[in-house]
N, C-alpha and C. Protein backbone atom coordinates (compact mmCIF):
# COMPACT_ATOMS: atom_id res chain seq x y z
N MET A 1 0.63 -1.27 -0.02
CA MET A 1 -0.30 0.00 0.38
C MET A 1 0.88 1.60 -0.30
N PHE A 2 2.20 1.20 0.75
CA PHE A 2 3.03 2.38 0.89
C PHE A 2 3.79 2.74 0.10
N ASN A 3 3.83 1.50 -0.92
CA ASN A 3 5.04 1.08 -1.93
C ASN A 3 4.65 1.92 -3.35
N ASN A 4 4.33 3.01 -3.18
CA ASN A 4 3.80 3.43 -5.16
C ASN A 4 4.88 4.92 -5.03
N ILE A 5 5.89 4.22 -6.25
CA ILE A 5 7.11 5.04 -6.15
C ILE A 5 5.98 6.32 -6.73
N GLU A 6 5.53 6.03 -8.04
CA GLU A 6 5.08 6.96 -8.69
C GLU A 6 3.49 8.17 -8.31
N ILE A 7 3.50 7.57 -7.09
CA ILE A 7 2.82 8.86 -5.75
C ILE A 7 3.76 9.40 -5.58
N ALA A 8 5.00 8.80 -5.16
CA ALA A 8 5.96 9.83 -4.67
C ALA A 8 6.96 10.61 -5.60
N ARG A 9 6.92 10.44 -6.92
CA ARG A 9 7.41 11.20 -7.92
C ARG A 9 6.44 12.17 -7.76
N LEU A 10 5.02 11.66 -8.42
CA LEU A 10 3.86 13.17 -8.58
C LEU A 10 3.94 14.33 -6.98
N LEU A 11 4.55 13.48 -5.85
CA LEU A 11 3.74 14.14 -4.27
C LEU A 11 5.52 15.23 -4.44
N LEU A 12 5.95 15.03 -5.31
CA LEU A 12 7.87 15.53 -5.55
C LEU A 12 7.93 16.39 -6.21
N ARG A 13 7.19 16.24 -7.46
CA ARG A 13 6.74 17.22 -8.39
C ARG A 13 6.08 18.15 -7.80
N LEU A 14 5.04 17.82 -7.62
CA LEU A 14 3.81 19.06 -7.28
C LEU A 14 4.29 20.10 -6.39
N SER A 15 5.08 19.77 -5.24
CA SER A 15 5.43 19.97 -4.10
C SER A 15 6.57 21.34 -4.14
N LEU A 16 7.55 20.51 -5.02
CA LEU A 16 8.49 21.57 -5.80
C LEU A 16 7.97 22.94 -6.73
N GLY A 17 7.57 22.02 -7.44
CA GLY A 17 6.79 23.13 -8.85
C GLY A 17 6.01 23.84 -8.06
N ILE A 18 5.25 24.08 -7.24
CA ILE A 18 4.47 24.72 -6.69
C ILE A 18 5.15 25.75 -5.92
N LEU A 19 5.89 25.39 -4.54
CA LEU A 19 6.26 26.39 -3.96
C LEU A 19 7.26 27.11 -4.87
N ILE A 20 8.62 26.98 -5.36
CA ILE A 20 8.61 27.39 -6.67
C ILE A 20 7.71 29.00 -7.25
N LEU A 21 7.00 28.33 -7.86
CA LEU A 21 6.50 29.19 -8.69
C LEU A 21 5.46 30.12 -7.92
N PHE A 22 5.56 29.85 -6.45
CA PHE A 22 5.14 30.86 -5.64
C PHE A 22 6.54 32.44 -5.36
N HIS A 23 7.60 31.93 -5.32
CA HIS A 23 8.89 33.25 -5.61
C HIS A 23 8.52 33.40 -6.80
N GLY A 24 8.64 32.62 -8.26
CA GLY A 24 8.12 33.32 -9.58
C GLY A 24 7.71 34.26 -9.52
N ILE A 25 5.94 34.41 -9.25
CA ILE A 25 4.43 35.14 -8.77
C ILE A 25 5.43 36.44 -8.41
N HIS A 26 5.58 36.10 -6.95
CA HIS A 26 6.45 37.23 -6.75
C HIS A 26 7.38 38.16 -6.98
N LYS A 27 8.31 37.34 -8.25
CA LYS A 27 8.75 38.08 -8.90
C LYS A 27 8.26 38.95 -10.07
N VAL A 28 7.53 38.47 -10.94
CA VAL A 28 6.67 38.88 -11.84
C VAL A 28 5.56 40.67 -11.15
N ILE A 29 5.23 39.71 -9.98
CA ILE A 29 4.26 41.30 -9.21
C ILE A 29 5.31 42.76 -9.33
N HIS A 30 6.59 42.00 -7.97
CA HIS A 30 7.75 42.65 -8.09
C HIS A 30 8.76 42.85 -7.97
N GLY A 31 8.76 42.59 -9.25
CA GLY A 31 10.36 42.81 -9.94
C GLY A 31 11.77 41.50 -9.63
N VAL A 32 12.16 42.38 -9.85
CA VAL A 32 13.51 41.18 -10.40
C VAL A 32 15.09 42.27 -9.62
N SER A 33 14.60 43.40 -8.96
CA SER A 33 15.55 45.03 -8.83
C SER A 33 15.78 43.93 -7.97
N GLY A 34 15.78 43.41 -6.78
CA GLY A 34 16.62 42.63 -5.82
C GLY A 34 17.06 41.66 -6.30
N VAL A 35 17.25 41.09 -7.53
CA VAL A 35 18.50 39.84 -8.32
C VAL A 35 19.04 40.98 -8.57
N LYS A 36 18.61 41.72 -9.46
CA LYS A 36 19.75 42.95 -9.85
C LYS A 36 21.19 43.61 -9.32
N ALA A 37 20.36 44.01 -8.01
CA ALA A 37 21.30 44.47 -7.25
C ALA A 37 22.98 43.58 -6.52
N MET A 38 22.01 42.04 -6.96
CA MET A 38 23.00 41.26 -5.91
C MET A 38 23.67 40.58 -7.08
N LEU A 39 23.13 41.06 -8.32
CA LEU A 39 24.73 40.61 -9.59
C LEU A 39 25.13 41.35 -9.36
N SER A 40 24.64 42.69 -9.57
CA SER A 40 25.43 44.09 -9.76
C SER A 40 26.73 43.99 -8.37
N SER A 41 26.49 43.98 -7.41
CA SER A 41 27.55 43.33 -6.49
C SER A 41 28.60 42.63 -6.56
N SER A 42 28.01 41.59 -7.23
CA SER A 42 28.12 40.28 -7.23
C SER A 42 29.36 40.53 -8.85
N GLY A 43 29.24 41.54 -9.56
CA GLY A 43 30.57 42.01 -10.40
C GLY A 43 29.52 41.30 -11.95
N LEU A 44 28.27 40.50 -11.76
CA LEU A 44 27.58 40.12 -12.97
C LEU A 44 26.29 41.21 -14.03
N PRO A 45 26.91 40.77 -14.79
CA PRO A 45 25.53 41.73 -15.68
C PRO A 45 24.08 41.32 -15.32
N ASP A 46 23.16 42.67 -14.69
CA ASP A 46 22.29 42.75 -13.89
C ASP A 46 21.09 42.17 -15.07
N VAL A 47 21.66 41.96 -16.23
CA VAL A 47 20.80 41.73 -17.33
C VAL A 47 19.96 40.07 -16.65
N LEU A 48 21.09 39.50 -16.06
CA LEU A 48 20.90 37.69 -15.67
C LEU A 48 19.78 37.58 -14.91
N ALA A 49 19.21 38.97 -14.40
CA ALA A 49 18.23 38.65 -13.76
C ALA A 49 17.15 38.10 -14.63
N TYR A 50 16.93 38.54 -15.56
CA TYR A 50 15.35 37.98 -15.81
C TYR A 50 15.64 36.38 -16.04
N GLY A 51 16.42 36.03 -16.05
CA GLY A 51 16.62 34.61 -15.99
C GLY A 51 15.83 33.62 -14.79
N VAL A 52 16.05 34.59 -14.26
CA VAL A 52 15.08 34.07 -12.72
C VAL A 52 13.90 33.34 -13.50
N TYR A 53 12.87 34.39 -14.19
CA TYR A 53 11.60 34.02 -14.98
C TYR A 53 11.55 32.67 -15.04
N VAL A 54 12.31 32.45 -16.06
CA VAL A 54 12.91 31.12 -16.62
C VAL A 54 12.46 30.04 -15.06
N GLY A 55 13.82 29.36 -14.80
CA GLY A 55 13.81 28.45 -13.46
C GLY A 55 13.25 29.34 -12.53
N GLU A 56 12.35 30.88 -12.05
CA GLU A 56 10.84 30.17 -11.84
C GLU A 56 9.76 30.54 -11.72
N LEU A 57 10.19 30.67 -13.39
CA LEU A 57 8.61 30.48 -13.66
C LEU A 57 7.60 29.38 -14.46
N ILE A 58 8.85 29.09 -15.68
CA ILE A 58 8.47 28.80 -16.87
C ILE A 58 8.53 26.51 -16.33
N ALA A 59 10.14 26.75 -15.56
CA ALA A 59 10.45 25.11 -15.03
C ALA A 59 9.46 24.72 -14.46
N PRO A 60 8.81 25.87 -13.17
CA PRO A 60 7.98 24.73 -12.18
C PRO A 60 7.26 24.74 -12.71
N ILE A 61 6.25 25.55 -13.72
CA ILE A 61 5.14 25.41 -14.62
C ILE A 61 5.75 23.66 -15.60
N PHE A 62 6.65 23.60 -15.98
CA PHE A 62 6.94 22.21 -16.95
C PHE A 62 7.12 21.23 -15.50
N ILE A 63 7.43 21.17 -14.66
CA ILE A 63 7.82 20.17 -13.31
C ILE A 63 6.73 19.77 -12.95
N ILE A 64 5.73 20.52 -12.91
CA ILE A 64 4.17 20.47 -11.84
C ILE A 64 3.39 19.39 -13.38
N LEU A 65 3.43 19.89 -14.43
CA LEU A 65 3.24 19.09 -15.50
C LEU A 65 3.94 17.64 -15.96
N GLY A 66 4.93 17.85 -15.78
CA GLY A 66 6.07 16.52 -16.05
C GLY A 66 6.40 17.15 -16.99
N LEU A 67 6.39 17.36 -17.61
CA LEU A 67 6.85 18.22 -19.04
C LEU A 67 7.61 18.46 -19.29
N TYR A 68 9.28 17.31 -20.30
CA TYR A 68 10.40 17.85 -20.16
C TYR A 68 11.09 17.48 -18.60
N ALA A 69 10.10 17.11 -17.55
CA ALA A 69 10.61 17.64 -16.22
C ALA A 69 12.01 17.03 -15.75
N ARG A 70 12.30 16.66 -16.12
CA ARG A 70 14.50 16.04 -15.49
C ARG A 70 15.35 17.59 -16.44
N VAL A 71 14.67 17.99 -17.55
CA VAL A 71 15.37 19.20 -17.94
C VAL A 71 14.83 20.50 -17.14
N ALA A 72 13.56 20.78 -16.87
CA ALA A 72 13.11 21.59 -16.57
C ALA A 72 13.78 21.63 -14.67
N SER A 73 13.62 20.75 -14.28
CA SER A 73 14.57 20.39 -12.96
C SER A 73 16.00 21.00 -12.71
N LEU A 74 16.42 20.39 -13.98
CA LEU A 74 18.52 20.77 -13.91
C LEU A 74 18.35 21.94 -14.68
N VAL A 75 17.06 23.00 -14.71
CA VAL A 75 17.35 24.45 -14.94
C VAL A 75 16.93 25.10 -13.05
N LEU A 76 16.25 24.63 -12.36
CA LEU A 76 15.88 24.78 -11.03
C LEU A 76 16.98 24.36 -10.30
N ALA A 77 17.18 23.73 -11.26
CA ALA A 77 18.64 23.06 -9.64
C ALA A 77 19.77 24.28 -9.79
N PHE A 78 20.45 24.65 -11.16
CA PHE A 78 21.40 25.69 -11.61
C PHE A 78 20.40 27.09 -10.87
N ASN A 79 19.33 27.15 -11.48
CA ASN A 79 19.10 28.88 -10.57
C ASN A 79 19.40 28.79 -8.76
N MET A 80 18.82 27.62 -8.03
CA MET A 80 18.90 28.07 -6.84
C MET A 80 20.51 27.49 -6.39
N LEU A 81 21.10 26.58 -7.47
CA LEU A 81 22.62 27.29 -7.17
C LEU A 81 23.17 28.61 -7.24
N VAL A 82 23.00 29.02 -8.24
CA VAL A 82 23.04 30.39 -7.95
C VAL A 82 22.52 31.61 -7.05
N ALA A 83 21.46 31.78 -6.97
CA ALA A 83 20.26 32.00 -5.76
C ALA A 83 21.53 31.92 -4.05
N ILE A 84 21.44 30.59 -4.10
CA ILE A 84 22.80 30.73 -2.95
C ILE A 84 24.29 31.37 -3.23
N PHE A 85 24.54 31.22 -4.45
CA PHE A 85 25.91 32.22 -4.25
C PHE A 85 24.83 33.28 -3.76
N LEU A 86 24.18 34.31 -4.92
CA LEU A 86 24.58 35.46 -4.76
C LEU A 86 24.03 36.04 -3.49
N ALA A 87 23.28 34.96 -2.87
CA ALA A 87 22.33 35.18 -1.45
C ALA A 87 23.45 35.25 -0.11
N TYR A 88 23.56 34.28 -0.60
CA TYR A 88 24.66 33.30 1.32
C TYR A 88 26.31 33.40 0.87
N GLY A 89 26.78 33.69 -0.64
CA GLY A 89 28.22 33.03 -0.67
C GLY A 89 28.71 31.63 -0.36
N PHE A 90 27.55 31.07 -0.39
CA PHE A 90 27.91 29.55 -0.16
C PHE A 90 28.85 29.52 1.54
N SER A 91 28.41 30.45 2.29
CA SER A 91 28.90 30.52 3.86
C SER A 91 28.23 29.31 4.12
N PHE A 92 28.52 29.04 5.65
CA PHE A 92 27.59 27.76 5.89
C PHE A 92 27.44 28.52 7.52
N SER A 93 26.66 29.32 7.08
CA SER A 93 26.53 30.65 8.32
C SER A 93 25.24 29.43 8.91
N LEU A 94 25.31 29.95 10.08
CA LEU A 94 23.84 28.97 11.02
C LEU A 94 22.24 30.52 10.91
N ALA A 95 21.41 29.96 10.57
CA ALA A 95 19.99 30.99 10.52
C ALA A 95 20.11 31.53 12.44
N LYS A 96 19.14 32.13 12.36
CA LYS A 96 18.61 32.83 14.06
C LYS A 96 17.89 31.84 15.05
N TYR A 97 17.44 30.89 14.09
CA TYR A 97 16.89 29.60 15.23
C TYR A 97 17.37 28.20 15.05
N GLY A 98 18.87 28.14 14.46
CA GLY A 98 19.67 26.82 14.26
C GLY A 98 19.26 26.40 12.51
N GLY A 99 19.95 25.43 12.73
CA GLY A 99 20.13 25.14 10.78
C GLY A 99 20.88 26.43 9.84
N LEU A 100 21.60 25.82 8.93
CA LEU A 100 21.54 26.83 7.81
C LEU A 100 20.58 27.49 7.47
N SER A 101 21.58 29.32 7.32
CA SER A 101 21.09 30.36 5.81
C SER A 101 20.55 30.01 5.00
N MET A 102 21.38 29.18 4.51
CA MET A 102 20.66 29.13 2.85
C MET A 102 20.35 27.62 2.86
N GLU A 103 19.27 27.04 3.69
CA GLU A 103 18.39 26.66 3.84
C GLU A 103 17.51 25.66 2.70
N SER A 104 16.85 27.01 3.53
CA SER A 104 15.28 26.82 1.67
C SER A 104 15.46 26.82 0.58
N PRO A 105 16.71 27.52 -0.85
CA PRO A 105 17.15 27.31 -1.31
C PRO A 105 18.36 26.38 -1.72
N LEU A 106 18.94 25.42 -0.65
CA LEU A 106 19.64 24.09 -0.50
C LEU A 106 18.32 23.16 -0.97
N ILE A 107 17.74 23.03 -0.07
CA ILE A 107 16.43 21.80 -0.21
C ILE A 107 15.45 21.94 -2.12
N PHE A 108 15.48 22.89 -2.45
CA PHE A 108 14.77 22.87 -3.43
C PHE A 108 15.83 22.85 -4.25
N MET A 109 17.76 23.21 -4.37
CA MET A 109 18.49 22.69 -5.25
C MET A 109 18.23 20.58 -5.03
N ILE A 110 18.12 20.33 -3.69
CA ILE A 110 18.53 18.83 -3.51
C ILE A 110 17.03 17.98 -4.12
N MET A 111 15.74 19.04 -4.37
CA MET A 111 14.67 17.96 -4.51
C MET A 111 14.89 17.67 -6.07
N SER A 112 15.03 19.60 -6.86
CA SER A 112 15.42 19.44 -8.31
C SER A 112 16.37 18.08 -8.78
N ILE A 113 17.42 18.30 -8.07
CA ILE A 113 18.47 17.13 -8.44
C ILE A 113 17.45 16.22 -8.01
N VAL A 114 16.88 15.76 -7.13
CA VAL A 114 15.75 14.23 -7.13
C VAL A 114 14.97 13.82 -8.27
N VAL A 115 14.33 14.72 -8.68
CA VAL A 115 13.00 14.92 -9.78
C VAL A 115 14.26 14.60 -11.19
N ALA A 116 15.47 15.56 -11.35
CA ALA A 116 15.96 14.80 -12.72
C ALA A 116 16.46 13.33 -13.21
N LEU A 117 17.29 12.89 -11.33
CA LEU A 117 17.87 10.71 -10.89
C LEU A 117 16.44 10.59 -11.02
N LEU A 118 15.02 10.58 -10.81
CA LEU A 118 13.94 9.79 -10.49
C LEU A 118 12.68 9.62 -12.01
N GLY A 119 12.81 11.03 -12.63
CA GLY A 119 12.34 11.58 -14.29
C GLY A 119 10.51 11.91 -13.18
N SER A 120 9.66 12.39 -14.44
CA SER A 120 8.84 12.19 -13.80
C SER A 120 7.77 11.46 -13.63
N GLY A 121 7.87 10.40 -13.66
CA GLY A 121 7.59 9.78 -13.65
C GLY A 121 5.37 9.09 -14.43
N LYS A 122 4.99 7.97 -13.37
CA LYS A 122 3.38 7.77 -14.81
C LYS A 122 2.82 9.06 -14.98
N TYR A 123 2.59 9.72 -13.53
CA TYR A 123 1.33 10.28 -14.01
C TYR A 123 1.59 11.85 -14.36
N SER A 124 1.77 12.32 -15.45
CA SER A 124 3.12 12.75 -16.31
C SER A 124 2.55 13.27 -17.59
N VAL A 125 3.04 14.58 -18.15
CA VAL A 125 2.49 14.70 -19.53
C VAL A 125 3.32 13.86 -20.67
N ASN A 126 4.75 13.60 -19.84
CA ASN A 126 5.60 12.94 -20.69
C ASN A 126 5.15 11.24 -20.63
N ASN A 127 4.94 10.99 -19.35
CA ASN A 127 4.87 9.71 -19.04
C ASN A 127 6.25 8.76 -18.72
N LYS A 128 6.97 9.27 -17.99
CA LYS A 128 8.66 8.43 -18.58
C LYS A 128 9.35 9.01 -16.46
């Protein structure tokens, strides 16, 4: 009964895609000026900030649907890696109540890698 990998794949895809999609919607409403500032302070061109729309809007939709979920999850994993670099500089500092300060983007990155390894599964547009 509790040994259904297909339901687990679906739950993983939906939770990852929906949670990241909220971040993308926030950036559509409020813009990417914060990302531009972080890129500029790192010496990178601020035009790269628009790539966040691909990583936090398009990729999550593909992940939710299970449409090229492996590719979309790798795009999202790269997006999270860049977010960790820009926001935290790969420092392993602790947050106020314990845990790593970069815990959320790190978990999203790990979940994305797991989706890339497992594939989208039976309950997806691609059925793979």
